[in-house]
Amino acid sequence: MARPTTNSTAASPVTPGGSRNARPGRLSAGMACDTAFRIIARRHLAAVLAQHDGTCRGDPEALHQIRIALTHLRTAIRFFSPMVDDALRPKVWAELKWLNSQLGLVRDLDVAIERVVAETGDELALVAELQHWEEKRAESHRLLARTLQSARYRRLVEQTSSWIESGPWSTRRSKQAITLRRCPLADHAMAQLTDWETTLLRKARKLRRLDYEKRHKLRILNKRLTYSIESLEDLFAEKSLKKQKAILKQLRRAQKSLGRLNDDARGQTLAASLNEAVPTATIRFLDPKREKKLLRTASTSYRKLDKTKPLRLSDLSPDPEPEN
């Protein structure tokens, strides 16, 4: 099952505070939710750090992977809500959202330029247009590199790592807090996945009628469900891998189509901002036929997903018997 790549040519200058513990282990069905959250969150924070240097150097793939890892981390925080909803969570969330916005601005430019080049090749008429976009991208990458080398970024990593390991959520003594932390991962996971899938499929039935904002929210929900199933890979029994892969196949197909629609909308917005320099730029991102095809693909994926048997507790591997 896919996870964000974590290879980087140079180690990040910041290390998660959780490194004082053993390397993140495997998840198990009976594991307490607080332990599971730490394992999953450590994995994804480590993946963010692994792509730090490549992103600072302007590598588009490293930028893409750091965004995936960050989205995985934010999804994990949502997945284990309300257990982790303490006084520090809003600040941690706000800083992660800030980082995501900084990465997103540059990634949008990368994707838009790739789209223009892929569709038009090396036509001489594009030289002036691409030069303008490339200048914009180069400046955005420089600003992003500064952000990733800033004191604010270092504080974000340190604060997030510390919060994952020993935030107020982990020591609250109320009966409800203790119950949430001790809840077996399998019970929480199935309840959350079922709820998110039900909501996704209900909203997806109206996909063709959704405006940009609502379609964007549907895409985010699709991504949360996909990433959560991926993060829980350790839990699935061998007999259930076929079902798990079938569900992920449809979610990823829908995600790809919705992602391209979102890239087109973002590219159109970026092109509009360059309209004075390149009057024809916006036209490249207006394609009703492409939009119709992508919506049809996503709708088909959701119909197939709706017909797929949902995940059940019986699909998870039981905890191994203790050795005598």
Protein backbone atom coordinates (compact mmCIF):
# COMPACT_ATOMS: atom_id res chain seq x y z
CA MET A 1 0.00 0.00 0.00
CA ALA A 2 1.34 3.42 -0.92
CA ARG A 3 2.82 5.69 1.69
CA PRO A 4 4.71 8.94 1.16
CA THR A 5 8.28 8.32 0.05
CA THR A 6 10.74 9.20 2.75
CA ASN A 7 14.04 9.11 0.91
CA SER A 8 16.07 12.31 0.88
CA THR A 9 19.64 13.00 -0.12
CA ALA A 10 20.29 14.84 3.09
CA ALA A 11 18.91 14.49 6.57
CA SER A 12 16.59 17.17 7.90
CA PRO A 13 18.14 19.53 10.44
CA VAL A 14 15.19 18.94 12.76
CA THR A 15 14.40 15.61 14.42
CA PRO A 16 11.02 14.72 15.95
CA GLY A 17 11.03 14.66 19.71
CA GLY A 18 9.55 11.17 19.56
CA SER A 19 12.90 9.78 18.40
CA ARG A 20 13.77 9.13 22.03
CA ASN A 21 11.34 6.21 21.74
CA ALA A 22 11.87 3.15 19.57
CA ARG A 23 11.25 3.47 15.86
CA PRO A 24 7.53 3.45 15.09
CA GLY A 25 6.32 -0.13 15.32
CA ARG A 26 3.45 -1.95 13.66
CA LEU A 27 -0.17 -1.30 14.46
CA SER A 28 -2.38 -4.04 15.87
CA ALA A 29 -6.14 -4.36 16.23
CA GLY A 30 -6.13 -4.40 20.03
CA MET A 31 -3.64 -1.58 20.41
CA ALA A 32 -4.85 1.41 22.46
CA CYS A 33 -5.71 4.47 20.40
CA ASP A 34 -3.15 6.71 22.10
CA THR A 35 -0.33 4.35 21.14
CA ALA A 36 -1.68 3.99 17.60
CA PHE A 37 -1.93 7.75 17.14
CA ARG A 38 1.69 8.24 18.16
CA ILE A 39 2.91 5.53 15.78
CA ILE A 40 0.96 6.90 12.80
CA ALA A 41 1.75 10.56 13.52
CA ARG A 42 5.48 9.83 13.97
CA ARG A 43 5.57 8.07 10.61
CA HIS A 44 4.10 11.00 8.78
CA LEU A 45 6.06 13.70 10.61
CA ALA A 46 9.22 11.76 9.76
CA ALA A 47 8.10 11.67 6.12
CA VAL A 48 7.68 15.46 6.14
CA LEU A 49 11.20 15.91 7.51
CA ALA A 50 12.68 13.45 5.01
CA GLN A 51 11.61 15.67 2.10
CA HIS A 52 12.78 18.93 3.72
CA ASP A 53 16.15 19.28 1.98
CA GLY A 54 14.89 18.27 -1.46
CA THR A 55 12.06 20.79 -1.22
CA CYS A 56 14.50 23.51 -0.17
CA ARG A 57 16.57 22.73 -3.28
CA GLY A 58 13.51 23.24 -5.49
CA ASP A 59 12.85 19.60 -6.35
CA PRO A 60 9.18 19.44 -7.52
CA GLU A 61 8.84 15.76 -6.56
CA ALA A 62 10.13 16.40 -3.02
CA LEU A 63 7.61 19.24 -2.75
CA HIS A 64 4.84 16.90 -3.90
CA GLN A 65 5.85 14.24 -1.38
CA ILE A 66 6.17 16.65 1.55
CA ARG A 67 2.63 17.84 0.87
CA ILE A 68 1.36 14.24 0.80
CA ALA A 69 3.12 13.50 4.10
CA LEU A 70 1.74 16.66 5.69
CA THR A 71 -1.78 15.81 4.56
CA HIS A 72 -1.34 12.30 6.02
CA LEU A 73 -0.32 13.87 9.33
CA ARG A 74 -3.27 16.28 9.39
CA THR A 75 -5.59 13.40 8.47
CA ALA A 76 -4.27 11.36 11.42
CA ILE A 77 -5.08 14.24 13.77
CA ARG A 78 -8.64 14.38 12.44
CA PHE A 79 -8.95 10.60 12.50
CA PHE A 80 -8.21 10.45 16.24
CA SER A 81 -10.47 13.35 17.16
CA PRO A 82 -11.88 13.90 19.78
CA MET A 83 -9.16 12.02 21.68
CA VAL A 84 -6.48 14.58 20.73
CA ASP A 85 -8.70 17.67 20.98
CA ASP A 86 -6.92 19.53 23.76
CA ALA A 87 -5.96 23.16 24.40
CA LEU A 88 -2.84 22.94 22.19
CA ARG A 89 -4.44 21.25 19.21
CA PRO A 90 -5.79 24.47 17.61
CA LYS A 91 -2.30 26.01 17.63
CA VAL A 92 -0.67 22.87 16.25
CA TRP A 93 -3.38 22.65 13.59
CA ALA A 94 -3.05 26.31 12.63
CA GLU A 95 0.71 25.97 12.12
CA LEU A 96 0.32 22.82 10.03
CA LYS A 97 -2.33 24.58 7.96
CA TRP A 98 0.04 27.53 7.50
CA LEU A 99 2.81 25.20 6.27
CA ASN A 100 0.40 23.47 3.90
CA SER A 101 -0.60 26.82 2.41
CA GLN A 102 3.05 27.77 1.84
CA LEU A 103 3.71 24.48 0.07
CA GLY A 104 0.47 24.66 -1.90
CA LEU A 105 1.21 28.01 -3.50
CA VAL A 106 4.39 26.67 -5.07
CA ARG A 107 2.95 23.25 -5.95
CA ASP A 108 0.12 24.94 -7.88
CA LEU A 109 2.68 26.69 -10.06
CA ASP A 110 4.61 23.47 -10.66
CA VAL A 111 1.45 21.66 -11.74
CA ALA A 112 0.25 24.52 -13.95
CA ILE A 113 3.57 24.74 -15.79
CA GLU A 114 3.65 20.96 -16.27
CA ARG A 115 0.17 21.16 -17.78
CA VAL A 116 1.15 23.91 -20.24
CA VAL A 117 4.32 22.11 -21.34
CA ALA A 118 2.61 18.71 -21.68
CA GLU A 119 -0.18 20.06 -23.87
CA THR A 120 1.80 22.37 -26.13
CA GLY A 121 5.35 21.07 -26.32
CA ASP A 122 8.07 23.46 -27.50
CA GLU A 123 6.03 25.84 -29.60
CA LEU A 124 7.91 29.10 -30.05
CA ALA A 125 4.77 31.05 -29.23
CA LEU A 126 5.00 29.72 -25.68
CA VAL A 127 8.49 31.01 -24.95
CA ALA A 128 7.37 34.36 -23.51
CA GLU A 129 4.51 32.79 -21.57
CA LEU A 130 6.62 30.05 -20.02
CA GLN A 131 9.42 32.45 -19.19
CA HIS A 132 6.97 34.54 -17.18
CA TRP A 133 5.64 31.47 -15.35
CA GLU A 134 9.13 30.09 -14.72
CA GLU A 135 10.24 33.40 -13.19
CA LYS A 136 7.21 33.31 -10.92
CA ARG A 137 7.95 29.72 -9.93
CA ALA A 138 11.65 30.37 -9.24
CA GLU A 139 10.78 33.24 -6.93
CA SER A 140 8.13 31.15 -5.16
CA HIS A 141 10.62 28.32 -4.60
CA ARG A 142 13.13 30.77 -3.12
CA LEU A 143 10.53 32.11 -0.71
CA LEU A 144 9.48 28.57 0.22
CA ALA A 145 13.09 27.59 0.94
CA ARG A 146 13.35 30.53 3.34
CA THR A 147 10.14 29.41 5.03
CA LEU A 148 11.47 25.89 5.51
CA GLN A 149 14.69 27.24 7.01
CA SER A 150 12.94 29.69 9.31
CA ALA A 151 12.62 29.69 13.09
CA ARG A 152 8.86 29.37 12.69
CA TYR A 153 9.24 26.10 10.77
CA ARG A 154 11.64 24.71 13.39
CA ARG A 155 9.21 25.65 16.17
CA LEU A 156 6.39 24.00 14.24
CA VAL A 157 8.28 20.70 14.03
CA GLU A 158 9.37 20.79 17.66
CA GLN A 159 5.93 21.78 18.92
CA THR A 160 4.14 19.17 16.79
CA SER A 161 6.51 16.40 17.84
CA SER A 162 6.22 17.30 21.50
CA TRP A 163 2.44 17.48 21.26
CA ILE A 164 2.23 14.06 19.58
CA GLU A 165 4.31 12.48 22.34
CA SER A 166 3.07 14.22 25.47
CA GLY A 167 0.47 16.86 24.71
CA PRO A 168 -2.29 17.64 27.23
CA TRP A 169 -4.52 15.14 25.40
CA SER A 170 -2.29 12.32 26.67
CA THR A 171 -2.62 13.13 30.38
CA ARG A 172 -6.18 14.30 30.87
CA ARG A 173 -7.74 12.37 33.73
CA SER A 174 -11.44 12.62 32.92
CA LYS A 175 -13.27 9.33 32.48
CA GLN A 176 -14.07 10.18 28.86
CA ALA A 177 -10.45 11.06 28.02
CA ILE A 178 -9.14 7.84 29.55
CA THR A 179 -11.77 5.80 27.72
CA LEU A 180 -10.85 7.39 24.38
CA ARG A 181 -7.15 6.73 24.88
CA ARG A 182 -7.71 3.11 25.92
CA CYS A 183 -10.22 2.32 23.16
CA PRO A 184 -8.93 -0.54 20.96
CA LEU A 185 -7.72 0.78 17.62
CA ALA A 186 -9.89 -1.65 15.63
CA ASP A 187 -13.11 -0.39 17.25
CA HIS A 188 -12.28 3.26 16.67
CA ALA A 189 -10.95 2.66 13.16
CA MET A 190 -14.03 0.82 11.92
CA ALA A 191 -16.39 3.43 13.39
CA GLN A 192 -14.45 6.31 11.83
CA LEU A 193 -13.93 4.68 8.43
CA THR A 194 -17.60 3.71 8.22
CA ASP A 195 -18.72 7.22 9.11
CA TRP A 196 -16.39 8.87 6.59
CA GLU A 197 -17.27 6.46 3.79
CA THR A 198 -21.00 6.90 4.38
CA THR A 199 -20.65 10.68 4.27
CA LEU A 200 -18.45 10.54 1.16
CA LEU A 201 -20.83 8.36 -0.82
CA ARG A 202 -23.84 10.46 0.18
CA LYS A 203 -22.18 13.66 -1.03
CA ALA A 204 -20.74 11.97 -4.14
CA ARG A 205 -24.25 11.21 -5.44
CA LYS A 206 -24.58 14.95 -6.13
CA LEU A 207 -21.11 15.30 -7.67
CA ARG A 208 -22.21 16.62 -11.07
CA ARG A 209 -24.27 19.36 -9.41
CA LEU A 210 -21.62 20.54 -6.95
CA ASP A 211 -19.95 23.92 -7.34
CA TYR A 212 -16.18 24.31 -7.01
CA GLU A 213 -16.17 24.80 -3.23
CA LYS A 214 -18.36 21.79 -2.47
CA ARG A 215 -16.46 19.66 -4.95
CA HIS A 216 -13.23 20.68 -3.21
CA LYS A 217 -14.68 19.58 0.15
CA LEU A 218 -15.67 16.24 -1.39
CA ARG A 219 -12.11 15.81 -2.65
CA ILE A 220 -10.74 16.48 0.85
CA LEU A 221 -13.09 13.90 2.37
CA ASN A 222 -12.04 11.40 -0.31
CA LYS A 223 -8.40 12.06 0.54
CA ARG A 224 -9.00 11.63 4.29
CA LEU A 225 -10.63 8.26 3.78
CA THR A 226 -7.93 7.09 1.36
CA TYR A 227 -5.05 8.19 3.56
CA SER A 228 -6.63 6.70 6.68
CA ILE A 229 -7.03 3.29 5.06
CA GLU A 230 -3.41 3.51 3.88
CA SER A 231 -2.17 4.46 7.36
CA LEU A 232 -3.99 1.44 8.83
CA GLU A 233 -2.34 -0.99 6.41
CA ASP A 234 -0.83 -3.04 9.24
CA LEU A 235 -4.27 -4.00 10.51
CA PHE A 236 -5.72 -5.79 7.51
CA ALA A 237 -5.85 -9.56 7.45
CA GLU A 238 -4.42 -11.28 4.40
CA LYS A 239 -7.86 -12.56 3.43
CA SER A 240 -9.14 -8.96 3.32
CA LEU A 241 -6.38 -7.43 1.21
CA LYS A 242 -8.37 -7.94 -2.00
CA LYS A 243 -11.31 -6.00 -0.58
CA GLN A 244 -9.02 -3.29 0.80
CA LYS A 245 -7.28 -2.90 -2.57
CA ALA A 246 -10.63 -2.76 -4.39
CA ILE A 247 -11.79 0.07 -2.13
CA LEU A 248 -8.53 1.97 -2.49
CA LYS A 249 -8.58 1.51 -6.27
CA GLN A 250 -11.90 3.34 -6.60
CA LEU A 251 -10.98 6.01 -4.05
CA ARG A 252 -7.70 6.73 -5.86
CA ARG A 253 -9.38 6.90 -9.26
CA ALA A 254 -11.92 9.38 -7.95
CA GLN A 255 -9.17 11.29 -6.16
CA LYS A 256 -7.12 11.54 -9.35
CA SER A 257 -10.03 12.95 -11.32
CA LEU A 258 -11.06 15.38 -8.59
CA GLY A 259 -7.42 16.39 -8.18
CA ARG A 260 -7.11 17.22 -11.86
CA LEU A 261 -10.29 19.27 -11.71
CA ASN A 262 -8.87 21.13 -8.73
CA ASP A 263 -5.54 21.67 -10.53
CA ASP A 264 -7.43 23.11 -13.49
CA ALA A 265 -9.33 25.52 -11.25
CA ARG A 266 -6.15 26.58 -9.46
CA GLY A 267 -4.32 26.92 -12.78
CA GLN A 268 -7.09 29.12 -14.11
CA THR A 269 -6.82 31.36 -11.04
CA LEU A 270 -3.05 31.59 -11.43
CA ALA A 271 -3.38 32.31 -15.14
CA ALA A 272 -5.85 35.09 -14.40
CA SER A 273 -3.28 36.71 -12.12
CA LEU A 274 -0.86 36.74 -15.07
CA ASN A 275 -3.47 38.00 -17.47
CA GLU A 276 -1.83 41.36 -18.14
CA ALA A 277 1.48 39.76 -19.09
CA VAL A 278 -0.05 36.77 -20.89
CA PRO A 279 -3.60 37.56 -22.09
CA THR A 280 -4.25 34.04 -23.46
CA ALA A 281 -3.02 32.12 -20.40
CA THR A 282 -6.43 31.55 -18.82
CA ILE A 283 -7.79 29.82 -21.91
CA ARG A 284 -5.40 26.90 -21.44
CA PHE A 285 -7.25 25.83 -18.30
CA LEU A 286 -10.79 26.10 -19.68
CA ASP A 287 -11.85 22.78 -21.20
CA PRO A 288 -15.51 21.76 -20.73
CA LYS A 289 -14.94 18.39 -22.43
CA ARG A 290 -12.08 17.56 -20.06
CA GLU A 291 -14.18 18.60 -17.06
CA LYS A 292 -17.10 16.44 -18.19
CA LYS A 293 -14.83 13.43 -18.68
CA LEU A 294 -13.18 13.80 -15.26
CA LEU A 295 -16.53 14.15 -13.53
CA ARG A 296 -17.80 11.04 -15.31
CA THR A 297 -14.74 9.06 -14.22
CA ALA A 298 -15.12 10.13 -10.59
CA SER A 299 -18.84 9.39 -10.58
CA THR A 300 -18.23 5.91 -11.99
CA SER A 301 -15.64 5.23 -9.29
CA TYR A 302 -18.06 6.23 -6.56
CA ARG A 303 -20.79 4.00 -7.98
CA LYS A 304 -18.38 1.06 -7.97
CA LEU A 305 -17.27 1.91 -4.45
CA ASP A 306 -20.89 1.96 -3.31
CA LYS A 307 -21.28 -1.60 -4.63
CA THR A 308 -18.12 -2.84 -2.90
CA LYS A 309 -18.61 -4.57 0.43
CA PRO A 310 -17.62 -2.15 3.21
CA LEU A 311 -14.79 -2.88 5.61
CA ARG A 312 -15.75 -4.79 8.75
CA LEU A 313 -14.05 -5.66 12.02
CA SER A 314 -13.69 -9.21 10.68
CA ASP A 315 -11.39 -7.84 7.96
CA LEU A 316 -8.73 -6.98 10.52
CA SER A 317 -6.00 -9.31 11.72
CA PRO A 318 -6.47 -10.47 15.31
CA ASP A 319 -3.67 -9.67 17.71
CA PRO A 320 -1.12 -12.50 17.84
CA GLU A 321 -1.36 -14.88 20.77
CA PRO A 322 1.26 -14.13 23.43
CA GLU A 323 4.14 -16.60 23.56
CA ASN A 324 4.37 -18.86 26.59
